N, C-alpha and C. Protein backbone atom coordinates (compact mmCIF):
# COMPACT_ATOMS: atom_id res chain seq x y z
N MET A 1 331.20 -66.00 115.17
CA MET A 1 331.04 -65.92 116.68
C MET A 1 332.14 -66.41 117.29
N GLY A 2 332.72 -65.63 118.18
CA GLY A 2 333.82 -66.07 119.12
C GLY A 2 333.23 -67.06 120.20
N GLN A 3 334.37 -67.66 121.00
CA GLN A 3 334.11 -68.60 121.75
C GLN A 3 333.16 -68.25 122.98
N GLU A 4 333.68 -67.01 123.54
CA GLU A 4 332.97 -66.28 124.58
C GLU A 4 331.55 -66.05 124.35
N THR A 5 331.33 -65.55 122.93
CA THR A 5 330.09 -65.27 122.71
C THR A 5 329.20 -66.43 122.70
N PHE A 6 329.55 -67.47 122.22
CA PHE A 6 329.12 -68.80 122.10
C PHE A 6 328.72 -69.11 123.31
N ALA A 7 329.37 -69.11 124.23
CA ALA A 7 329.47 -69.58 125.67
C ALA A 7 328.19 -68.91 126.29
N LEU A 8 328.34 -67.52 126.23
CA LEU A 8 327.24 -66.70 126.79
C LEU A 8 325.96 -66.90 126.29
N SER A 9 325.94 -67.14 124.97
CA SER A 9 324.60 -67.38 124.14
C SER A 9 324.14 -68.87 124.78
N VAL A 10 324.82 -69.84 124.85
CA VAL A 10 324.57 -71.31 125.18
C VAL A 10 323.66 -71.06 126.71
N GLY A 11 324.49 -70.41 127.61
CA GLY A 11 324.14 -70.22 128.90
C GLY A 11 322.64 -69.53 128.96
N ALA A 12 322.48 -68.52 128.17
CA ALA A 12 321.25 -67.89 128.10
C ALA A 12 320.24 -68.75 127.53
N LEU A 13 320.50 -69.37 126.53
CA LEU A 13 319.62 -70.42 125.91
C LEU A 13 319.03 -71.38 126.75
N LEU A 14 319.92 -71.71 127.51
CA LEU A 14 319.47 -72.84 128.63
C LEU A 14 318.37 -72.18 129.53
N SER A 15 318.55 -70.86 129.72
CA SER A 15 317.74 -70.16 130.86
C SER A 15 316.32 -70.10 129.91
N PHE A 16 316.34 -69.64 128.90
CA PHE A 16 315.20 -69.44 128.11
C PHE A 16 314.40 -70.82 128.03
N LEU A 17 315.13 -71.91 127.69
CA LEU A 17 314.58 -73.30 127.58
C LEU A 17 313.95 -73.61 128.74
N PHE A 18 314.50 -73.69 129.93
CA PHE A 18 313.77 -73.97 131.25
C PHE A 18 312.78 -73.03 131.64
N GLU A 19 312.72 -71.82 131.08
CA GLU A 19 311.57 -70.79 131.56
C GLU A 19 310.35 -70.96 130.66
N TYR A 20 310.75 -71.25 129.38
CA TYR A 20 309.58 -71.18 128.46
C TYR A 20 308.95 -72.54 127.74
N VAL A 21 309.88 -73.63 127.55
CA VAL A 21 309.39 -74.56 127.05
C VAL A 21 308.56 -75.46 128.14
N PRO A 22 307.21 -75.64 127.31
CA PRO A 22 306.10 -76.05 128.41
C PRO A 22 306.38 -77.23 129.18
N GLY A 23 306.68 -78.35 128.88
CA GLY A 23 307.04 -79.54 129.66
C GLY A 23 308.16 -79.42 130.65
N VAL A 24 309.29 -78.89 130.05
CA VAL A 24 310.61 -78.68 130.88
C VAL A 24 310.06 -77.53 131.92
N LYS A 25 309.44 -76.43 131.64
CA LYS A 25 309.13 -75.73 132.48
C LYS A 25 308.31 -76.09 133.67
N THR A 26 307.38 -76.83 133.54
CA THR A 26 306.75 -77.35 134.56
C THR A 26 307.49 -78.25 135.60
N TRP A 27 308.47 -79.07 135.01
CA TRP A 27 309.45 -79.82 135.86
C TRP A 27 310.16 -78.81 136.56
N PHE A 28 310.84 -77.71 135.73
CA PHE A 28 311.93 -76.95 136.74
C PHE A 28 311.06 -75.92 137.54
N ASP A 29 309.83 -75.68 137.43
CA ASP A 29 309.39 -74.75 138.46
C ASP A 29 309.09 -75.54 139.81
N GLY A 30 308.84 -76.90 139.66
CA GLY A 30 308.94 -77.77 140.81
C GLY A 30 310.22 -77.67 141.90
N LEU A 31 311.49 -77.19 141.30
CA LEU A 31 312.49 -77.17 141.88
C LEU A 31 312.65 -75.89 143.00
N ASP A 32 313.26 -75.68 143.96
CA ASP A 32 313.44 -74.25 144.73
C ASP A 32 314.50 -73.96 144.07
N ALA A 33 314.71 -72.63 144.39
CA ALA A 33 315.57 -71.64 143.87
C ALA A 33 317.23 -72.11 143.76
N VAL A 34 317.61 -72.59 145.12
CA VAL A 34 318.76 -73.35 145.10
C VAL A 34 319.07 -74.55 144.22
N GLN A 35 318.22 -75.48 144.00
CA GLN A 35 318.17 -76.51 143.16
C GLN A 35 318.24 -76.07 141.79
N LYS A 36 317.40 -75.19 141.38
CA LYS A 36 317.53 -74.64 140.06
C LYS A 36 318.93 -74.00 139.43
N ARG A 37 319.41 -73.30 140.72
CA ARG A 37 320.79 -72.65 140.25
C ARG A 37 321.81 -74.00 140.31
N LEU A 38 321.82 -74.68 141.03
CA LEU A 38 322.59 -76.10 140.98
C LEU A 38 322.56 -76.75 139.80
N PHE A 39 321.29 -76.97 139.36
CA PHE A 39 320.83 -77.74 137.95
C PHE A 39 321.70 -77.11 136.96
N MET A 40 321.41 -75.80 136.93
CA MET A 40 322.05 -75.03 135.83
C MET A 40 323.26 -75.09 135.82
N LEU A 41 324.08 -75.11 136.86
CA LEU A 41 325.29 -75.14 136.99
C LEU A 41 325.90 -76.61 136.41
N PHE A 42 325.22 -77.68 137.08
CA PHE A 42 325.50 -78.93 136.42
C PHE A 42 325.41 -78.90 134.94
N LEU A 43 324.30 -78.66 134.35
CA LEU A 43 324.39 -78.45 132.84
C LEU A 43 325.42 -77.90 132.18
N CYS A 44 325.89 -76.57 132.68
CA CYS A 44 327.04 -76.02 132.19
C CYS A 44 328.37 -76.94 132.27
N LEU A 45 328.43 -77.26 133.39
CA LEU A 45 329.73 -78.17 133.76
C LEU A 45 329.62 -79.58 132.76
N VAL A 46 328.55 -80.16 132.76
CA VAL A 46 328.45 -81.22 131.73
C VAL A 46 328.69 -81.07 130.29
N THR A 47 328.16 -79.76 130.01
CA THR A 47 328.54 -79.43 128.53
C THR A 47 329.89 -79.25 128.22
N GLY A 48 330.48 -78.62 129.15
CA GLY A 48 332.05 -78.45 129.04
C GLY A 48 332.84 -79.79 129.00
N GLY A 49 332.36 -80.65 130.01
CA GLY A 49 332.92 -82.09 130.09
C GLY A 49 332.83 -82.83 128.73
N VAL A 50 331.73 -82.66 128.30
CA VAL A 50 331.42 -83.35 127.08
C VAL A 50 332.17 -82.96 125.95
N ALA A 51 332.31 -81.56 125.86
CA ALA A 51 333.33 -81.05 124.79
C ALA A 51 334.76 -81.44 124.83
N VAL A 52 335.12 -81.71 126.11
CA VAL A 52 336.44 -82.09 126.23
C VAL A 52 336.64 -83.53 125.82
N ILE A 53 335.73 -84.40 126.32
CA ILE A 53 335.63 -85.78 125.75
C ILE A 53 335.58 -86.00 124.24
N LEU A 54 334.77 -85.24 123.75
CA LEU A 54 334.57 -85.39 122.40
C LEU A 54 335.80 -84.79 121.74
N SER A 55 336.46 -83.81 122.10
CA SER A 55 337.62 -83.21 121.44
C SER A 55 338.63 -84.09 121.68
N CYS A 56 338.76 -84.79 122.64
CA CYS A 56 340.17 -85.71 122.77
C CYS A 56 340.03 -87.18 122.33
N TYR A 57 338.63 -87.72 122.15
CA TYR A 57 338.45 -88.89 121.83
C TYR A 57 337.80 -89.17 120.67
N THR A 58 337.32 -88.19 119.85
CA THR A 58 336.69 -88.42 118.43
C THR A 58 337.19 -87.24 117.63
N SER A 59 336.64 -87.42 116.44
CA SER A 59 337.18 -86.15 115.32
C SER A 59 336.55 -84.88 115.56
N PHE A 60 335.67 -84.65 116.67
CA PHE A 60 335.09 -83.40 116.78
C PHE A 60 336.34 -82.52 117.46
N SER A 61 336.33 -81.28 117.42
CA SER A 61 337.42 -80.19 117.61
C SER A 61 336.73 -79.04 118.35
N PHE A 62 336.27 -79.40 119.49
CA PHE A 62 335.52 -78.11 120.03
C PHE A 62 336.64 -77.24 120.89
N VAL A 63 337.64 -78.07 121.39
CA VAL A 63 338.67 -77.48 122.39
C VAL A 63 340.12 -78.10 121.86
N GLU A 64 341.09 -77.39 122.39
CA GLU A 64 342.19 -78.28 121.97
C GLU A 64 342.58 -79.35 123.14
N CYS A 65 342.97 -80.51 122.80
CA CYS A 65 343.02 -81.55 123.84
C CYS A 65 344.45 -81.30 124.47
N SER A 66 344.44 -80.30 125.26
CA SER A 66 345.58 -80.19 126.10
C SER A 66 345.35 -79.36 127.27
N GLU A 67 346.55 -79.13 128.20
CA GLU A 67 346.12 -78.43 129.47
C GLU A 67 345.58 -77.02 129.20
N SER A 68 346.39 -76.41 128.34
CA SER A 68 345.97 -75.02 128.10
C SER A 68 344.65 -75.05 127.23
N GLY A 69 344.02 -75.93 126.50
CA GLY A 69 342.91 -76.17 126.02
C GLY A 69 341.62 -76.16 127.00
N VAL A 70 342.14 -77.05 127.91
CA VAL A 70 341.09 -77.31 129.03
C VAL A 70 340.83 -75.95 129.92
N MET A 71 342.14 -75.29 130.29
CA MET A 71 341.91 -74.14 130.82
C MET A 71 341.11 -73.13 130.23
N ALA A 72 341.33 -72.99 128.90
CA ALA A 72 340.42 -72.02 128.05
C ALA A 72 339.11 -72.59 128.37
N LEU A 73 338.74 -73.84 128.16
CA LEU A 73 337.36 -74.32 128.37
C LEU A 73 336.73 -74.03 129.84
N VAL A 74 337.57 -74.03 130.71
CA VAL A 74 337.02 -73.64 132.13
C VAL A 74 336.68 -72.29 132.20
N GLU A 75 337.35 -71.36 131.62
CA GLU A 75 337.06 -69.95 131.53
C GLU A 75 335.82 -69.78 130.78
N THR A 76 335.71 -70.59 129.64
CA THR A 76 334.43 -70.38 128.86
C THR A 76 333.24 -71.08 129.49
N VAL A 77 333.20 -71.87 130.36
CA VAL A 77 332.04 -72.57 130.97
C VAL A 77 331.94 -71.53 132.18
N ILE A 78 332.55 -70.78 132.63
CA ILE A 78 332.47 -69.82 133.75
C ILE A 78 331.54 -68.69 132.92
N LEU A 79 331.83 -68.34 131.83
CA LEU A 79 331.01 -67.35 130.96
C LEU A 79 329.79 -67.92 130.64
N ALA A 80 329.61 -69.18 130.49
CA ALA A 80 328.20 -69.85 130.23
C ALA A 80 327.42 -69.59 131.43
N ILE A 81 328.09 -70.06 132.72
CA ILE A 81 327.27 -70.02 133.87
C ILE A 81 327.03 -68.40 134.08
N VAL A 82 327.73 -67.58 133.77
CA VAL A 82 327.31 -65.94 134.06
C VAL A 82 326.07 -65.70 133.06
N GLY A 83 326.44 -66.15 131.86
CA GLY A 83 325.23 -65.86 130.87
C GLY A 83 324.02 -66.66 131.24
N ASN A 84 324.00 -67.75 131.76
CA ASN A 84 322.86 -68.44 132.37
C ASN A 84 322.11 -67.78 133.60
N GLN A 85 323.02 -67.48 134.45
CA GLN A 85 322.41 -67.04 135.83
C GLN A 85 322.06 -65.65 135.52
N SER A 86 322.54 -64.72 134.78
CA SER A 86 322.08 -63.27 134.54
C SER A 86 320.98 -63.40 133.60
N THR A 87 320.76 -64.30 132.79
CA THR A 87 319.46 -64.13 131.88
C THR A 87 318.36 -64.63 132.79
N HIS A 88 318.58 -65.88 133.65
CA HIS A 88 317.69 -66.26 134.44
C HIS A 88 316.99 -65.26 135.39
N SER A 89 318.01 -64.46 135.87
CA SER A 89 317.50 -63.31 136.93
C SER A 89 316.66 -62.38 136.25
N ILE A 90 317.02 -62.15 134.88
CA ILE A 90 316.27 -61.03 134.02
C ILE A 90 314.84 -61.45 133.57
N ILE A 91 314.64 -62.83 133.27
CA ILE A 91 313.55 -63.40 132.58
C ILE A 91 312.58 -63.75 133.44
N LYS A 92 313.08 -64.38 134.77
CA LYS A 92 312.21 -64.90 135.72
C LYS A 92 310.88 -64.05 136.08
N LYS A 93 309.97 -64.63 136.41
CA LYS A 93 308.61 -63.74 136.58
C LYS A 93 308.47 -63.41 138.16
């Protein structure tokens, strides 16, 4: 699986998680539409940040610990956000 496909899948998985997992869904339904979008954006950005930190300071290698690696990750995080928001708009009731 390519990096782009993985990012789109993770974004979609986050949407499914917050739409269908009982305890999480109840909490998430309490947010208004803007808060939901901002929260999902935050999760995608945090995931990208964690990937950089783990890659640069541990033995994990999610991205290359360089400027070009971080720029590639930014593109990938944008794809995760696209996957997340498009999935959410399709599956919401």
